[in-house]
Amino acid sequence: MTRNLLEIFSHLGAELFCGDALLRYALGKQTPQIALRPKTLEEISAISRLANENRVATVLWGAGISLQWGNPPASYDLALDVTGLNQVVSHDKANFTITAQAGLSLGALQEILKPAGQFFPLNPPQGEAATLGGLTAMNNLGPWRLTYGSLRDLILGIKVILPNGDRVSFGGKTMKNV
């Protein structure tokens, strides 16, 4: 079944389309028909809902460092590039908490934390180019996890968007027994 994916997603706005740079999103021999780079959770939710309703095979894309691991997808129509969500939402220096978006790279996060004399205790094999979303998905963290704990020990709360576009939150900023 051939679908016009541009037609499905065009009403979301031309600024979301990554243009002709589709080879950047290739996985093995598969290249998506389109790539979208949203900048808000609302845009990701709308894209996910439309992709789900139209049965568009979607691959989330951050830095693209570890996507070659594992089996390739059976089909691949849309690359959903989350690197547009690369902001720190809040940083509570006194309580050592930070809220950041999935597309933020570890290196950028470290630079943001450095002036406060803080750092995020991860040293993944993918290096500082890895995104927070990719690190969360892969849980491939490096030897510092033996001292500081794994990512699941460091995350107090998380917001996710389900394939149908629904937004769900788990946890929060409350710290117990600290």
Foldseek 3Di string as FASTA:
>chain_A
DDDDVCVLCVVVDPVQWPPPPQVVVDAVPDTAQTEGEDQDLQSVLVVLQSCVVVVAAEDEAALNQCQNPDDDDPHHHYYYYDLSQAAWPDADLVVGDTRGDQNHFQLNQQVVCVVSVDHDQFAFPSGRRHTNNRCVVVQRTDDSCVVVNTVVVVDQKDWDADSNSDIDIDGDDDDPPD
